Protein backbone atom coordinates (compact mmCIF):
# COMPACT_ATOMS: atom_id res chain seq x y z
CA MET A 1 0.00 0.00 0.00
CA LYS A 2 1.45 3.34 -1.08
CA GLY A 3 1.97 5.95 1.71
CA LEU A 4 1.89 9.72 1.61
CA THR A 5 4.76 11.54 0.05
CA LEU A 6 6.70 14.17 1.95
CA VAL A 7 5.04 16.95 -0.05
CA GLU A 8 1.56 15.60 0.76
CA GLN A 9 2.41 15.37 4.46
CA VAL A 10 3.70 18.96 4.51
CA CYS A 11 0.53 20.19 2.73
CA ALA A 12 -1.72 18.28 5.17
CA LEU A 13 0.19 19.70 8.11
CA ALA A 14 -0.09 23.25 6.75
CA ILE A 15 -3.85 22.87 6.18
CA SER A 16 -4.31 21.50 9.70
CA ALA A 17 -2.36 24.43 11.17
CA LEU A 18 -4.47 26.90 9.18
CA VAL A 19 -7.72 25.32 10.37
CA LEU A 20 -6.49 25.27 13.96
CA ALA A 21 -5.45 28.94 13.78
CA THR A 22 -8.89 29.87 12.42
CA VAL A 23 -10.64 27.97 15.20
CA LEU A 24 -8.47 29.61 17.87
CA ALA A 25 -9.11 33.09 16.42
CA VAL A 26 -12.87 32.50 16.49
CA MET A 27 -12.69 31.24 20.08
CA HIS A 28 -10.59 34.24 21.13
CA THR A 29 -13.05 36.66 19.55
CA THR A 30 -15.99 34.93 21.22
CA VAL A 31 -14.36 34.88 24.66
CA SER A 32 -13.25 38.53 24.34
CA GLY A 33 -16.76 39.56 23.31
CA MET A 34 -18.29 37.75 26.29
CA ALA A 35 -15.77 39.35 28.67
CA GLY A 36 -16.41 42.79 27.16
CA GLY A 37 -20.15 42.30 27.53
CA ARG A 38 -19.77 41.35 31.19
CA ASP A 39 -17.60 44.43 31.83
CA ARG A 40 -20.12 46.70 30.10
CA GLU A 41 -22.90 45.25 32.20
CA ARG A 42 -20.84 45.71 35.37
CA HIS A 43 -20.02 49.30 34.43
CA ALA A 44 -23.67 50.03 33.73
CA ARG A 45 -24.63 48.71 37.19
CA ILE A 46 -21.95 50.87 38.84
CA ALA A 47 -23.05 53.99 36.95
CA TYR A 48 -26.70 53.33 37.72
CA GLY A 49 -25.94 53.02 41.44
CA VAL A 50 -23.92 56.25 41.47
CA PHE A 51 -26.54 58.22 39.52
CA ARG A 52 -29.36 56.89 41.69
CA MET A 53 -27.56 58.01 44.87
CA VAL A 54 -26.75 61.48 43.51
CA ARG A 55 -30.29 61.91 42.21
CA ALA A 56 -31.77 60.97 45.61
CA ASP A 57 -29.49 63.46 47.38
CA LEU A 58 -30.42 66.20 44.92
CA ARG A 59 -34.14 65.57 45.29
CA GLY A 60 -33.82 66.06 49.04
CA ALA A 61 -31.39 68.98 48.83
CA VAL A 62 -31.99 72.30 50.56
CA GLY A 63 -30.35 75.68 50.04
CA SER A 64 -28.77 77.85 52.72
CA GLY A 65 -31.94 79.86 53.01
CA GLU A 66 -33.76 76.76 54.31
CA GLY A 67 -32.57 75.90 57.81
CA HIS A 68 -29.32 77.88 57.50
CA ALA A 69 -27.63 74.93 55.85
CA PRO A 70 -24.02 75.20 54.57
CA PRO A 71 -23.52 76.44 50.99
CA VAL A 72 -23.39 74.13 47.99
CA ILE A 73 -19.78 73.54 46.94
CA ALA A 74 -18.15 71.98 43.87
CA GLY A 75 -14.69 72.03 42.31
CA GLU A 76 -12.61 72.59 45.46
CA THR A 77 -9.76 70.41 46.76
CA THR A 78 -9.44 69.15 50.33
CA GLU A 79 -6.28 69.01 52.45
CA GLN A 80 -6.04 65.29 51.55
CA ASP A 81 -5.97 66.15 47.80
CA ASP A 82 -9.51 64.83 47.34
CA ARG A 83 -11.47 66.77 44.75
CA ILE A 84 -14.93 67.84 45.88
CA LEU A 85 -17.26 67.00 43.01
CA LEU A 86 -20.35 68.13 44.90
CA SER A 87 -21.18 69.00 48.50
CA LEU A 88 -24.71 69.83 49.64
CA THR A 89 -27.20 69.47 52.47
CA THR A 90 -30.04 67.02 52.02
CA THR A 91 -32.80 65.20 53.86
CA HIS A 92 -31.78 61.93 52.14
CA SER A 93 -29.73 59.54 54.27
CA PRO A 94 -29.35 55.85 53.40
CA GLY A 95 -26.49 55.53 55.91
CA HIS A 96 -28.09 57.00 59.05
CA ARG A 97 -31.44 55.27 59.18
CA THR A 98 -31.41 54.90 62.97
CA ALA A 99 -29.69 58.14 64.02
CA ARG A 100 -31.36 61.18 62.52
CA PRO A 101 -30.06 64.59 63.63
CA LEU A 102 -32.44 67.02 65.29
CA ALA A 103 -32.37 69.23 62.20
CA GLY A 104 -33.29 66.25 60.00
CA LEU A 105 -30.53 67.24 57.57
CA TYR A 106 -27.27 65.69 56.39
CA THR A 107 -24.21 67.19 54.74
CA VAL A 108 -23.25 64.95 51.81
CA THR A 109 -19.98 65.31 49.90
CA TYR A 110 -18.95 63.41 46.78
CA LEU A 111 -15.16 63.08 46.62
CA LEU A 112 -12.78 61.94 43.89
CA ARG A 113 -9.71 60.43 45.58
CA PRO A 114 -6.51 59.49 43.69
CA ALA A 115 -5.63 55.78 43.94
CA GLU A 116 -2.19 54.15 43.83
CA THR A 117 -3.06 52.54 40.49
CA GLY A 118 -3.25 55.93 38.80
CA LEU A 119 -7.04 55.75 38.69
CA HIS A 120 -9.49 57.24 41.21
CA ASP A 121 -12.02 56.19 43.83
CA LEU A 122 -15.42 57.87 43.95
CA LEU A 123 -16.53 58.32 47.56
CA ARG A 124 -19.66 59.58 49.28
CA ARG A 125 -19.18 61.16 52.73
CA GLU A 126 -22.21 61.80 54.89
CA GLU A 127 -22.50 63.43 58.28
CA PRO A 128 -25.53 64.63 60.26
CA TYR A 129 -26.04 68.38 60.06
CA GLU A 130 -26.31 69.49 63.65
CA PRO A 131 -25.33 73.16 64.22
CA ARG A 132 -24.70 72.58 67.93
CA TRP A 133 -22.00 69.98 67.26
CA ASP A 134 -18.34 70.88 67.06
CA ASP A 135 -16.03 69.58 64.31
CA GLU A 136 -14.94 66.58 66.36
CA GLN A 137 -18.49 65.45 67.05
CA ALA A 138 -19.40 65.83 63.39
CA ALA A 139 -16.32 63.85 62.32
CA ASP A 140 -17.17 61.02 64.73
CA ALA A 141 -20.66 60.76 63.25
CA ALA A 142 -19.49 60.91 59.64
CA ARG A 143 -19.79 57.90 57.35
CA GLU A 144 -17.76 57.39 54.19
CA GLU A 145 -18.41 54.76 51.52
CA ALA A 146 -16.85 53.95 48.17
CA LEU A 147 -19.40 54.15 45.35
CA ALA A 148 -16.92 53.13 42.64
CA ARG A 149 -13.26 52.13 42.65
CA GLY A 150 -10.85 52.21 39.74
CA VAL A 151 -12.60 55.10 38.01
CA ALA A 152 -10.81 56.67 35.05
CA LYS A 153 -12.49 60.07 35.30
CA VAL A 154 -15.49 61.82 36.83
CA GLU A 155 -16.78 65.20 35.69
CA CYS A 156 -19.44 67.17 37.54
CA ARG A 157 -20.93 70.36 36.11
CA LEU A 158 -23.64 72.56 37.58
CA TYR A 159 -26.15 74.72 35.71
CA ASP A 160 -27.16 78.17 37.01
CA GLY A 161 -29.73 79.06 34.33
CA GLU A 162 -27.22 80.64 31.97
CA GLY A 163 -24.37 78.17 31.64
CA TRP A 164 -22.54 75.13 33.02
CA SER A 165 -19.59 75.27 35.42
CA ASP A 166 -17.48 72.69 37.29
CA GLU A 167 -16.96 75.14 40.17
CA TRP A 168 -19.67 76.28 42.56
CA SER A 169 -19.87 78.01 45.92
CA SER A 170 -23.29 79.48 46.54
CA GLU A 171 -26.13 79.56 49.02
CA HIS A 172 -28.45 78.52 46.21
CA LEU A 173 -28.86 75.12 44.65
CA PRO A 174 -27.97 74.65 40.98
CA LEU A 175 -30.84 74.21 38.56
CA ALA A 176 -29.29 71.02 37.22
CA VAL A 177 -26.28 68.77 37.72
CA GLU A 178 -24.51 66.88 34.95
CA LEU A 179 -22.37 63.90 35.93
CA ARG A 180 -20.04 61.98 33.63
CA LEU A 181 -18.53 58.74 34.90
CA ALA A 182 -15.73 57.15 32.82
CA LEU A 183 -14.71 53.57 33.63
CA PRO A 184 -11.68 51.83 32.05
CA GLY A 185 -12.07 49.21 29.26
CA PRO A 186 -11.53 46.53 28.04
CA PRO A 187 -10.03 46.89 25.59
CA GLU A 188 -7.10 48.48 27.37
CA GLY A 189 -6.90 52.21 26.83
CA GLN A 190 -10.61 52.57 26.09
CA GLU A 191 -13.07 54.23 28.46
CA HIS A 192 -16.79 53.60 28.82
CA THR A 193 -18.49 56.87 29.70
CA HIS A 194 -21.91 57.11 31.34
CA ARG A 195 -23.71 60.45 31.62
CA ALA A 196 -26.71 61.70 33.57
CA VAL A 197 -28.37 65.10 33.98
CA MET A 198 -30.29 65.53 37.24
CA ARG A 199 -32.04 68.37 39.00
CA PRO A 200 -33.04 69.17 42.59
CA LEU A 201 -36.69 69.65 43.48
CA ALA A 202 -36.22 72.63 45.79
CA GLU A 203 -35.44 75.21 43.08
CA PRO A 204 -37.99 76.79 40.72
CA THR A 205 -37.91 75.40 37.20
CA SER A 206 -38.65 78.61 35.29
CA HIS A 207 -35.21 78.54 33.64
CA PRO A 208 -34.82 76.19 30.66
CA PHE A 209 -32.39 73.35 31.24
CA PRO A 210 -32.11 69.69 30.18
CA ALA A 211 -34.55 67.30 31.81
CA ASP A 212 -33.40 64.36 33.91
CA ARG A 213 -31.83 61.75 31.68
CA THR A 214 -29.17 59.05 31.71
CA SER A 215 -27.12 57.86 28.78
CA GLU A 216 -24.06 55.81 27.90
CA GLU A 217 -21.31 57.02 25.62
CA GLU A 218 -18.47 55.01 24.13
């Protein structure tokens, strides 16, 4: 019985290698697509949780003219190099369900803290607003939680009826708040950006500004 020649064996080996390479490429694409889909879903859940928390704080927010609350602040930097994205006084408090202050108000601050990885952590700090407390008592009652870790970038802009600004220090609430949350890929080097525009309920809505909405941008 005649066997295969050397040329036939080389051709068969080359065809087998080509088929195997094609199969591996298809498998790699499928696995990468599944991993990317899982990351997008995880990012969407993170963004939804952040936007829901900010929206709840805004809907319960009060200005300085209501209860002599502290001013609304955005764009400043703390002594620990944390960037204050937004600081306001609100009646919303998921962290202090059993210990409400006499004033019924809480000072909530959203902070962007640099991480050792080169990315950032998005934090929410909450403390009861009690004018009779000193700084030490307020610090002891404060709660801080991480809303998102490993964030590529967070942008917060506030609308005053005429334009948007990332800096704010006023007794009055903004008419709207725009939040952009960028989370790192995959693929490496790519960011998935989620955006929401929210507004407090305490301010009059006579000025035109974008309605509440949430979107995702690539």
